[in-house]
Amino acid sequence: MESPPKPKRAVAWSGVGAAVGAVCWMTMPWLQIVTFGSRPYVGTVYDIGSLLGLGLLLAGVAGLSTVIGRPGRTGRVALGATGLGLCCLGVLAAESVAAYVAAGFVPVPATGGDPAGLVRTWLAITGYALALSGTGLIGVVLHRRPDPSAVTVALCLLTPVVPVLVVLAGTTLPLPVWMVVVRTSALVLPFGVAWVALGRVVRVATTGRT
C-alpha cells in the first residue's frame, strides 16, 4: 500500500499525538498523588508530563481542523475555544515546570502564600471552561457531518455536561471525595476520552487505517 504524502502523515500523527496527549495529561495528577500524597505542590516532574500532553493535544486540534476542512462558524468557534483553553492550561503547566527546574529538579511544595494564586485560579477556570465547551461544540460540528461517529459525538457532547453535573452535586459528596475530584483530572475524564476518540477520527480520516 502506498504511504500517504508527508503532510497527510503529519496530520495522521497529530491524531495519534492527541490520543497520547490526552492520556498523558489525564494521568499526571493521579501519578502525582500516588507519589507525593495529598500535599499540593507548585511544581513536580509530573508537570513536565502535563505540559507535554497539552502540547500534543494542541497538535491534535490543528490536525482536526485540517480534517474538518471548512468547519463553518460553529467549527471555528469550537476549535478556537478548545485551542485557547489548552493554551491557558499550558501557561500554568509551563509555570509549574519552570518552578521545578529553577528548584534544581526538586519538587516544590505549595506554601499557600502566593499572591498570584487568584490569577492562576481564574486562568485555570477559564482554560477548562474554554477547552470543555469547545470540545462539546466539536461534537455538534461532527454530528452535522455525513456518517458521524455516534460514540465520538456523544463523548464530545458529554465533555462539558459531566463536570457541571459533578460540581452541582459537589455539596452532597463527602469532603475527602470532593478533594480528590478537585485535585485530579476526574472532572475532565470525558474530555480525555473524547480526545482519544477524536485522535482516532483524525488518523482514520487521513490514512483510512484505525
Protein backbone atom coordinates (compact mmCIF):
# COMPACT_ATOMS: atom_id res chain seq x y z
CA MET A 1 0.00 0.00 0.00
CA GLU A 2 1.36 3.41 -0.97
CA SER A 3 2.15 5.58 2.01
CA PRO A 4 0.32 8.93 2.28
CA PRO A 5 2.16 12.18 1.42
CA LYS A 6 4.20 13.81 4.17
CA PRO A 7 1.57 16.50 5.02
CA LYS A 8 -1.06 13.79 5.45
CA ARG A 9 1.30 11.71 7.56
CA ALA A 10 1.89 14.72 9.79
CA VAL A 11 -1.86 15.21 10.22
CA ALA A 12 -2.31 11.50 10.94
CA TRP A 13 0.41 11.61 13.57
CA SER A 14 -1.24 14.66 15.13
CA GLY A 15 -4.25 12.42 15.72
CA VAL A 16 -2.05 9.84 17.41
CA GLY A 17 -0.46 12.66 19.40
CA ALA A 18 -3.87 13.91 20.53
CA ALA A 19 -4.77 10.49 21.91
CA VAL A 20 -1.39 10.08 23.63
CA GLY A 21 -1.50 13.64 24.94
CA ALA A 22 -4.99 13.18 26.38
CA VAL A 23 -3.93 10.05 28.25
CA CYS A 24 -0.71 11.69 29.43
CA TRP A 25 -2.41 14.84 30.68
CA MET A 26 -5.17 12.89 32.41
CA THR A 27 -2.84 10.53 34.27
CA MET A 28 -0.26 13.03 35.58
CA PRO A 29 -2.35 14.37 38.52
CA TRP A 30 -3.12 10.82 39.65
CA LEU A 31 0.55 9.81 39.48
CA GLN A 32 1.49 12.90 41.49
CA ILE A 33 -0.95 11.96 44.26
CA VAL A 34 0.29 8.36 44.28
CA THR A 35 3.89 9.58 44.55
CA PHE A 36 3.62 12.59 46.83
CA GLY A 37 0.33 12.09 48.64
CA SER A 38 -2.32 14.73 49.20
CA ARG A 39 0.05 17.65 49.80
CA PRO A 40 -0.21 20.25 47.00
CA TYR A 41 2.92 21.14 45.01
CA VAL A 42 3.82 24.14 42.87
CA GLY A 43 5.97 22.05 40.55
CA THR A 44 6.96 18.39 40.16
CA VAL A 45 8.29 16.13 37.44
CA TYR A 46 4.70 15.26 36.56
CA ASP A 47 4.10 18.83 35.40
CA ILE A 48 6.53 18.10 32.56
CA GLY A 49 4.23 15.26 31.50
CA SER A 50 1.21 17.55 31.76
CA LEU A 51 2.88 20.18 29.57
CA LEU A 52 3.85 17.56 27.01
CA GLY A 53 0.29 16.21 26.99
CA LEU A 54 -1.17 19.67 26.43
CA GLY A 55 1.25 20.30 23.57
CA LEU A 56 0.21 17.06 21.88
CA LEU A 57 -3.45 17.95 22.36
CA LEU A 58 -2.87 21.30 20.66
CA ALA A 59 -1.31 19.46 17.73
CA GLY A 60 -4.44 17.31 17.68
CA VAL A 61 -6.64 20.41 17.48
CA ALA A 62 -4.62 21.58 14.47
CA GLY A 63 -4.93 18.14 12.86
CA LEU A 64 -8.67 18.04 13.46
CA SER A 65 -9.09 21.46 11.85
CA THR A 66 -7.40 20.07 8.73
CA VAL A 67 -9.65 17.01 8.68
CA ILE A 68 -12.84 19.03 9.13
CA GLY A 69 -11.86 21.27 6.22
CA ARG A 70 -14.36 24.12 6.16
CA PRO A 71 -15.73 23.96 9.68
CA GLY A 72 -18.13 26.91 9.43
CA ARG A 73 -18.71 29.45 12.18
CA THR A 74 -19.54 26.87 14.86
CA GLY A 75 -16.49 24.81 13.94
CA ARG A 76 -14.19 27.81 14.07
CA VAL A 77 -15.54 28.78 17.49
CA ALA A 78 -15.22 25.18 18.70
CA LEU A 79 -11.64 24.72 17.53
CA GLY A 80 -10.61 28.23 18.62
CA ALA A 81 -12.11 27.86 22.10
CA THR A 82 -10.53 24.45 22.60
CA GLY A 83 -7.13 25.64 21.42
CA LEU A 84 -7.25 28.81 23.54
CA GLY A 85 -8.33 26.83 26.60
CA LEU A 86 -5.45 24.40 26.16
CA CYS A 87 -3.07 27.35 25.80
CA CYS A 88 -4.30 28.80 29.12
CA LEU A 89 -3.74 25.47 30.83
CA GLY A 90 -0.37 25.18 29.07
CA VAL A 91 0.74 28.52 30.57
CA LEU A 92 0.02 27.16 34.05
CA ALA A 93 1.80 23.88 33.32
CA ALA A 94 4.81 25.75 31.90
CA GLU A 95 4.98 27.90 35.03
CA SER A 96 4.98 24.76 37.20
CA VAL A 97 7.73 23.21 35.06
CA ALA A 98 9.77 26.43 35.36
CA ALA A 99 9.43 26.33 39.17
CA TYR A 100 10.51 22.68 39.21
CA VAL A 101 13.54 23.36 37.01
CA ALA A 102 14.50 26.50 38.97
CA ALA A 103 14.48 24.44 42.17
CA GLY A 104 17.06 22.07 40.68
CA PHE A 105 14.55 19.43 39.59
CA VAL A 106 13.31 19.07 43.16
CA PRO A 107 9.55 19.03 43.90
CA VAL A 108 8.37 22.44 45.13
CA PRO A 109 5.64 22.26 47.82
CA ALA A 110 2.90 24.89 47.78
CA THR A 111 3.14 27.32 50.70
CA GLY A 112 -0.30 28.90 50.43
CA GLY A 113 1.19 32.40 50.42
CA ASP A 114 1.30 33.01 46.67
CA PRO A 115 -0.14 36.48 45.83
CA ALA A 116 -0.73 35.38 42.23
CA GLY A 117 -2.80 32.38 43.31
CA LEU A 118 -6.11 34.05 42.45
CA VAL A 119 -4.89 34.88 38.95
CA ARG A 120 -3.82 31.27 38.40
CA THR A 121 -7.17 30.03 39.68
CA TRP A 122 -9.10 32.18 37.23
CA LEU A 123 -6.74 31.24 34.40
CA ALA A 124 -7.34 27.57 35.19
CA ILE A 125 -11.12 28.06 35.32
CA THR A 126 -11.03 29.96 32.02
CA GLY A 127 -8.83 27.31 30.40
CA TYR A 128 -11.03 24.42 31.50
CA ALA A 129 -14.23 26.23 30.55
CA LEU A 130 -12.97 27.03 27.04
CA ALA A 131 -11.47 23.58 26.41
CA LEU A 132 -14.54 21.70 27.65
CA SER A 133 -17.13 23.88 25.94
CA GLY A 134 -15.09 23.93 22.73
CA THR A 135 -14.92 20.14 22.69
CA GLY A 136 -18.67 19.99 23.24
CA LEU A 137 -19.16 22.22 20.19
CA ILE A 138 -16.85 19.94 18.21
CA GLY A 139 -19.41 17.22 18.91
CA VAL A 140 -22.10 19.45 17.38
CA VAL A 141 -19.92 20.02 14.28
CA LEU A 142 -19.22 16.30 13.87
CA HIS A 143 -22.92 15.49 14.29
CA ARG A 144 -23.70 17.67 11.27
CA ARG A 145 -21.20 15.86 9.06
CA PRO A 146 -22.03 12.82 6.90
CA ASP A 147 -21.75 9.49 8.72
CA PRO A 148 -20.65 10.86 12.10
CA SER A 149 -19.27 8.51 14.74
CA ALA A 150 -22.10 8.33 17.28
CA VAL A 151 -19.71 7.35 20.08
CA THR A 152 -17.31 10.22 19.39
CA VAL A 153 -20.15 12.73 19.10
CA ALA A 154 -21.65 11.53 22.39
CA LEU A 155 -18.29 11.75 24.19
CA CYS A 156 -17.73 15.29 22.93
CA LEU A 157 -21.22 16.40 23.95
CA LEU A 158 -20.77 14.89 27.42
CA THR A 159 -17.45 16.71 27.93
CA PRO A 160 -18.94 19.99 29.24
CA VAL A 161 -22.04 18.38 30.77
CA VAL A 162 -20.44 15.92 33.20
CA PRO A 163 -18.27 18.49 35.06
CA VAL A 164 -21.26 20.78 35.52
CA LEU A 165 -23.33 17.93 36.98
CA VAL A 166 -20.48 16.91 39.28
CA VAL A 167 -19.99 20.48 40.51
CA LEU A 168 -23.72 20.84 41.17
CA ALA A 169 -23.65 17.58 43.12
CA GLY A 170 -20.48 18.61 44.97
CA THR A 171 -22.30 19.64 48.13
CA THR A 172 -23.57 16.09 48.57
CA LEU A 173 -20.15 14.44 48.21
CA PRO A 174 -18.02 13.65 51.28
CA LEU A 175 -15.18 16.17 51.67
CA PRO A 176 -12.34 13.65 51.02
CA VAL A 177 -14.04 12.54 47.80
CA TRP A 178 -14.60 16.14 46.71
CA MET A 179 -10.93 17.00 47.35
CA VAL A 180 -9.84 14.10 45.15
CA VAL A 181 -12.20 15.31 42.43
CA VAL A 182 -10.82 18.86 42.62
CA ARG A 183 -7.13 17.92 42.73
CA THR A 184 -7.17 15.30 39.97
CA SER A 185 -8.48 15.04 36.42
CA ALA A 186 -11.67 13.26 37.48
CA LEU A 187 -13.85 16.19 36.39
CA VAL A 188 -12.42 16.23 32.89
CA LEU A 189 -12.28 12.47 32.30
CA PRO A 190 -14.88 12.76 29.47
CA PHE A 191 -12.63 15.37 27.83
CA GLY A 192 -9.68 12.99 27.80
CA VAL A 193 -11.72 10.07 26.48
CA ALA A 194 -13.28 12.32 23.83
CA TRP A 195 -9.87 13.40 22.58
CA VAL A 196 -8.68 9.83 22.36
CA ALA A 197 -11.69 9.24 20.11
CA LEU A 198 -11.07 12.47 18.17
CA GLY A 199 -7.46 11.46 17.65
CA ARG A 200 -8.70 8.26 16.06
CA VAL A 201 -11.06 10.27 13.85
CA VAL A 202 -8.12 12.34 12.59
CA ARG A 203 -5.99 9.26 11.88
CA VAL A 204 -8.77 7.31 10.13
CA ALA A 205 -9.82 10.32 8.04
CA THR A 206 -6.22 10.87 6.95
CA THR A 207 -4.93 7.34 6.38
CA GLY A 208 -8.05 5.19 6.25
CA ARG A 209 -6.47 2.95 8.91
CA THR A 210 -7.51 2.65 12.56
